[in-house]
């Protein structure tokens, strides 16, 4: 029976977050090849999600969409955020197809309802069928209808948390620009030290080190990522936070080889 692996390609990794609407095409293409190679070598089933980076975060910040519907202008922001997120998704899907995968876009804004920023419904039946039919589903961070706020931005981590509890992956890999969790932001502090393992026992001790991420981000940064993954440990799901900038890192992590920071029991 094939193991299911979730892979997230971080927004900072696949876009230049300092330049609006700028995809790192060469990086995306290499990561797509690594996903395909690992999937073939490990006989894996894979679901790939990705962050928005410099695409949806720009209009989200401009219109304060992450706060919900706060003015009539918010609806314009919802439209622009959804459009920007889906444009980046098409780039990722195209790259995966070119690498040899039967990648299929999954648009959260069309199949998800939230309440106060938490998913109350996401139709997983099509995803289950895709995975059983040798298709590779590709959801992404998106803006969705919120029954209380009017709208919410759902990070890929929130989507992964919901899907993981229903699809039960063996591993979750978050590929970003830093090789794991550090005592402070390594992009700002060269003396920052990597934390090789995070468990429920040591999480409270390191929590204060997990600051917001570098660049524009309206979805919570590193703390949000680790808190979400810690919540899945009790279900037997091991996660890795790795750098996707180093060639081979993603493939190795998908195949269960140690890299970055491991989050486990």
Protein backbone atom coordinates (compact mmCIF):
# COMPACT_ATOMS: atom_id res chain seq x y z
CA UNK A 1 0.00 0.00 0.00
CA UNK A 2 1.44 3.38 -1.02
CA UNK A 3 2.24 5.88 1.72
CA UNK A 4 0.59 9.27 1.45
CA UNK A 5 2.85 12.31 1.81
CA UNK A 6 1.77 15.95 1.97
CA UNK A 7 4.23 18.49 0.57
CA UNK A 8 3.95 22.24 1.05
CA UNK A 9 6.01 24.58 -1.10
CA UNK A 10 6.35 27.77 0.91
CA UNK A 11 5.49 31.14 -0.56
CA UNK A 12 8.96 32.48 0.29
CA UNK A 13 10.48 29.56 -1.58
CA UNK A 14 8.51 29.70 -4.83
CA UNK A 15 8.14 33.48 -5.08
CA UNK A 16 10.27 36.52 -4.37
CA UNK A 17 8.31 37.98 -1.46
CA UNK A 18 10.06 41.34 -1.86
CA UNK A 19 8.73 41.73 -5.44
CA UNK A 20 4.97 41.59 -6.03
CA UNK A 21 3.72 38.78 -8.29
CA UNK A 22 7.17 37.33 -8.96
CA UNK A 23 7.46 33.54 -9.23
CA UNK A 24 10.81 31.75 -8.97
CA UNK A 25 10.24 29.59 -12.03
CA UNK A 26 13.56 27.73 -11.93
CA UNK A 27 13.07 26.81 -8.27
CA UNK A 28 9.50 25.65 -8.92
CA UNK A 29 10.62 23.51 -11.85
CA UNK A 30 13.39 21.84 -9.81
CA UNK A 31 11.06 21.14 -6.89
CA UNK A 32 8.51 19.65 -9.27
CA UNK A 33 11.17 17.28 -10.62
CA UNK A 34 12.17 16.27 -7.07
CA UNK A 35 8.54 15.56 -6.20
CA UNK A 36 8.16 13.39 -9.29
CA UNK A 37 11.41 11.51 -8.64
CA UNK A 38 10.56 10.85 -4.97
CA UNK A 39 7.02 9.78 -5.86
CA UNK A 40 8.35 7.29 -8.42
CA UNK A 41 11.25 6.01 -6.31
CA UNK A 42 9.25 5.66 -3.10
CA UNK A 43 6.02 4.54 -4.75
CA UNK A 44 4.25 7.33 -2.88
CA UNK A 45 0.90 9.00 -3.16
CA UNK A 46 1.41 12.74 -2.91
CA UNK A 47 -0.67 15.84 -2.27
CA UNK A 48 1.13 19.12 -2.95
CA UNK A 49 0.03 22.42 -1.43
CA UNK A 50 1.69 25.80 -1.67
CA UNK A 51 1.74 29.21 -0.10
CA UNK A 52 0.99 32.44 -1.91
CA UNK A 53 4.15 34.45 -1.31
CA UNK A 54 4.23 37.70 -3.26
CA UNK A 55 1.01 36.89 -5.13
CA UNK A 56 -2.07 36.98 -2.78
CA UNK A 57 -0.33 38.48 0.26
CA UNK A 58 0.00 41.85 -1.48
CA UNK A 59 -3.73 42.50 -2.12
CA UNK A 60 -4.58 40.76 1.17
CA UNK A 61 -2.53 43.32 3.06
CA UNK A 62 -3.78 46.22 0.92
CA UNK A 63 -7.46 45.46 1.55
CA UNK A 64 -7.00 43.88 5.02
CA UNK A 65 -8.78 40.77 3.78
CA UNK A 66 -7.24 38.75 6.62
CA UNK A 67 -9.44 40.75 9.04
CA UNK A 68 -12.67 39.68 7.33
CA UNK A 69 -15.15 41.96 5.62
CA UNK A 70 -14.35 45.36 7.16
CA UNK A 71 -15.64 47.63 4.36
CA UNK A 72 -17.26 47.48 0.90
CA UNK A 73 -13.72 47.53 -0.53
CA UNK A 74 -13.03 44.17 1.11
CA UNK A 75 -14.99 42.41 -1.64
CA UNK A 76 -12.66 43.82 -4.27
CA UNK A 77 -9.83 42.53 -2.13
CA UNK A 78 -11.40 39.05 -1.98
CA UNK A 79 -11.58 38.97 -5.77
CA UNK A 80 -7.98 40.15 -6.17
CA UNK A 81 -6.63 37.74 -3.55
CA UNK A 82 -8.44 34.78 -5.11
CA UNK A 83 -7.22 35.75 -8.56
CA UNK A 84 -3.61 36.16 -7.42
CA UNK A 85 -3.57 32.87 -5.49
CA UNK A 86 -5.00 30.96 -8.45
CA UNK A 87 -2.48 32.49 -10.87
CA UNK A 88 0.41 31.15 -8.82
CA UNK A 89 -1.36 27.80 -8.53
CA UNK A 90 -1.52 27.49 -12.31
CA UNK A 91 2.25 28.03 -12.49
CA UNK A 92 2.88 25.28 -9.92
CA UNK A 93 0.44 22.86 -11.57
CA UNK A 94 1.94 23.45 -15.01
CA UNK A 95 5.42 22.76 -13.65
CA UNK A 96 4.29 19.51 -12.03
CA UNK A 97 2.66 18.39 -15.27
CA UNK A 98 5.86 19.13 -17.19
CA UNK A 99 7.80 17.07 -14.59
CA UNK A 100 5.60 14.06 -15.35
CA UNK A 101 2.81 14.32 -12.76
CA UNK A 102 -0.94 14.26 -13.37
CA UNK A 103 -1.37 17.40 -11.28
CA UNK A 104 -4.85 18.84 -10.77
CA UNK A 105 -5.64 22.21 -9.23
CA UNK A 106 -7.91 22.18 -6.16
CA UNK A 107 -9.43 25.61 -5.50
CA UNK A 108 -10.23 26.02 -1.77
CA UNK A 109 -12.41 29.08 -2.36
CA UNK A 110 -14.79 26.90 -4.40
CA UNK A 111 -15.15 24.00 -1.96
CA UNK A 112 -14.55 25.39 1.55
CA UNK A 113 -16.54 27.18 4.24
CA UNK A 114 -14.94 28.67 7.35
CA UNK A 115 -16.17 30.09 10.64
CA UNK A 116 -13.91 32.57 12.44
CA UNK A 117 -10.93 31.46 10.39
CA UNK A 118 -11.43 27.73 10.96
CA UNK A 119 -12.59 25.28 8.31
CA UNK A 120 -16.08 23.90 8.93
CA UNK A 121 -16.41 22.21 5.54
CA UNK A 122 -13.93 21.13 2.85
CA UNK A 123 -15.18 18.51 0.42
CA UNK A 124 -12.53 15.78 0.60
CA UNK A 125 -14.33 13.18 -1.52
CA UNK A 126 -12.84 14.45 -4.81
CA UNK A 127 -9.36 14.46 -3.23
CA UNK A 128 -9.71 10.85 -2.09
CA UNK A 129 -10.80 9.85 -5.58
CA UNK A 130 -7.94 11.78 -7.21
CA UNK A 131 -5.38 10.01 -5.04
CA UNK A 132 -6.87 6.62 -5.83
CA UNK A 133 -6.80 7.38 -9.56
CA UNK A 134 -3.12 8.40 -9.82
CA UNK A 135 -3.85 12.11 -9.87
CA UNK A 136 -1.87 14.61 -7.80
CA UNK A 137 -4.14 17.20 -6.14
CA UNK A 138 -2.72 20.69 -5.63
CA UNK A 139 -4.64 22.87 -3.13
CA UNK A 140 -3.20 26.18 -1.95
CA UNK A 141 -3.57 29.00 0.52
CA UNK A 142 -6.68 30.92 -0.49
CA UNK A 143 -9.46 33.27 0.58
CA UNK A 144 -12.77 31.56 1.41
CA UNK A 145 -16.27 32.46 2.54
CA UNK A 146 -16.46 32.79 6.33
CA UNK A 147 -19.85 32.39 7.99
CA UNK A 148 -18.98 34.91 10.74
CA UNK A 149 -16.39 37.29 9.28
CA UNK A 150 -17.58 37.26 5.69
CA UNK A 151 -14.21 36.03 4.45
CA UNK A 152 -11.06 34.41 5.79
CA UNK A 153 -7.63 33.67 4.41
CA UNK A 154 -6.73 30.04 4.97
CA UNK A 155 -3.05 29.20 5.04
CA UNK A 156 -1.83 25.95 3.52
CA UNK A 157 -1.09 24.76 7.08
CA UNK A 158 -4.73 25.21 8.12
CA UNK A 159 -5.83 23.32 5.01
CA UNK A 160 -3.25 20.58 5.63
CA UNK A 161 -4.39 20.25 9.24
CA UNK A 162 -8.00 19.69 8.15
CA UNK A 163 -7.07 17.31 5.32
CA UNK A 164 -4.50 15.37 7.37
CA UNK A 165 -7.11 14.46 9.97
CA UNK A 166 -9.24 12.94 7.19
CA UNK A 167 -6.71 11.61 4.66
CA UNK A 168 -4.10 10.45 7.24
CA UNK A 169 -0.75 11.09 5.53
CA UNK A 170 2.38 9.34 6.83
CA UNK A 171 4.49 12.49 6.58
CA UNK A 172 4.09 16.21 6.02
CA UNK A 173 6.97 18.16 4.49
CA UNK A 174 7.09 21.96 4.66
CA UNK A 175 9.73 23.26 2.26
CA UNK A 176 10.74 26.87 2.78
CA UNK A 177 13.86 29.01 2.58
CA UNK A 178 15.37 28.04 5.95
CA UNK A 179 16.50 24.52 6.82
CA UNK A 180 14.23 23.99 9.79
CA UNK A 181 13.23 25.79 12.98
CA UNK A 182 15.76 28.15 14.55
CA UNK A 183 16.18 29.96 17.87
CA UNK A 184 15.54 33.22 15.97
CA UNK A 185 15.12 34.27 12.34
CA UNK A 186 18.37 33.07 10.66
CA UNK A 187 17.89 35.58 7.85
CA UNK A 188 18.21 38.39 10.39
CA UNK A 189 20.47 36.77 13.00
CA UNK A 190 23.50 34.79 11.73
CA UNK A 191 24.00 33.37 15.24
CA UNK A 192 20.59 31.68 15.24
CA UNK A 193 20.85 27.97 16.05
CA UNK A 194 18.83 25.22 14.42
CA UNK A 195 16.49 23.18 16.60
CA UNK A 196 16.79 19.65 15.15
CA UNK A 197 13.67 18.22 16.81
CA UNK A 198 10.41 19.62 18.12
CA UNK A 199 8.17 17.47 20.30
CA UNK A 200 5.18 18.22 22.54
CA UNK A 201 7.61 18.14 25.49
CA UNK A 202 10.02 20.84 24.27
CA UNK A 203 7.54 22.94 22.29
CA UNK A 204 6.67 25.31 25.14
CA UNK A 205 10.39 25.98 25.75
CA UNK A 206 11.08 27.04 22.15
CA UNK A 207 7.77 28.74 21.46
CA UNK A 208 9.11 32.23 22.19
CA UNK A 209 11.78 31.77 19.50
CA UNK A 210 9.25 31.26 16.73
CA UNK A 211 8.72 34.74 15.39
CA UNK A 212 6.96 35.89 12.22
CA UNK A 213 8.48 35.03 8.86
CA UNK A 214 10.61 37.23 6.63
CA UNK A 215 8.79 39.39 4.07
CA UNK A 216 5.06 40.03 3.71
CA UNK A 217 2.98 37.32 5.40
CA UNK A 218 -0.59 37.54 6.68
CA UNK A 219 -0.92 33.89 7.70
CA UNK A 220 1.10 33.69 10.91
CA UNK A 221 4.73 32.80 10.17
CA UNK A 222 6.78 30.00 11.72
CA UNK A 223 4.88 29.79 15.02
CA UNK A 224 1.65 29.08 13.18
CA UNK A 225 3.36 26.36 11.14
CA UNK A 226 4.87 24.55 14.12
CA UNK A 227 1.72 24.84 16.28
CA UNK A 228 -0.30 23.26 13.49
CA UNK A 229 2.15 20.38 13.01
CA UNK A 230 2.45 19.72 16.76
CA UNK A 231 -1.31 19.26 16.80
CA UNK A 232 -0.96 16.37 14.32
CA UNK A 233 1.76 14.52 16.24
CA UNK A 234 -0.82 12.76 18.42
CA UNK A 235 -2.23 11.21 15.25
CA UNK A 236 1.12 9.64 14.44
CA UNK A 237 1.99 12.12 11.69
CA UNK A 238 5.66 13.09 11.52
CA UNK A 239 6.57 16.39 9.87
CA UNK A 240 9.72 17.98 8.50
CA UNK A 241 10.47 21.66 8.04
CA UNK A 242 13.26 21.92 5.48
CA UNK A 243 14.97 24.26 3.06
CA UNK A 244 13.85 23.73 -0.50
CA UNK A 245 16.68 25.88 -1.80
CA UNK A 246 19.22 23.07 -1.51
CA UNK A 247 18.87 20.59 -4.32
CA UNK A 248 17.80 17.13 -3.18
CA UNK A 249 16.48 18.21 0.23
CA UNK A 250 12.83 17.86 -0.71
CA UNK A 251 13.30 14.50 -2.39
CA UNK A 252 15.22 13.15 0.61
CA UNK A 253 12.59 14.36 3.08
CA UNK A 254 9.79 12.83 1.03
CA UNK A 255 11.63 9.50 1.13
CA UNK A 256 11.93 9.66 4.93
CA UNK A 257 15.58 10.70 5.18
CA UNK A 258 16.39 13.09 8.01
CA UNK A 259 16.78 16.76 7.18
CA UNK A 260 15.85 20.16 8.60
CA UNK A 261 13.76 20.02 11.78
CA UNK A 262 11.70 16.94 12.57
CA UNK A 263 8.42 17.34 14.46
CA UNK A 264 7.34 14.12 16.13
CA UNK A 265 6.20 12.48 19.36
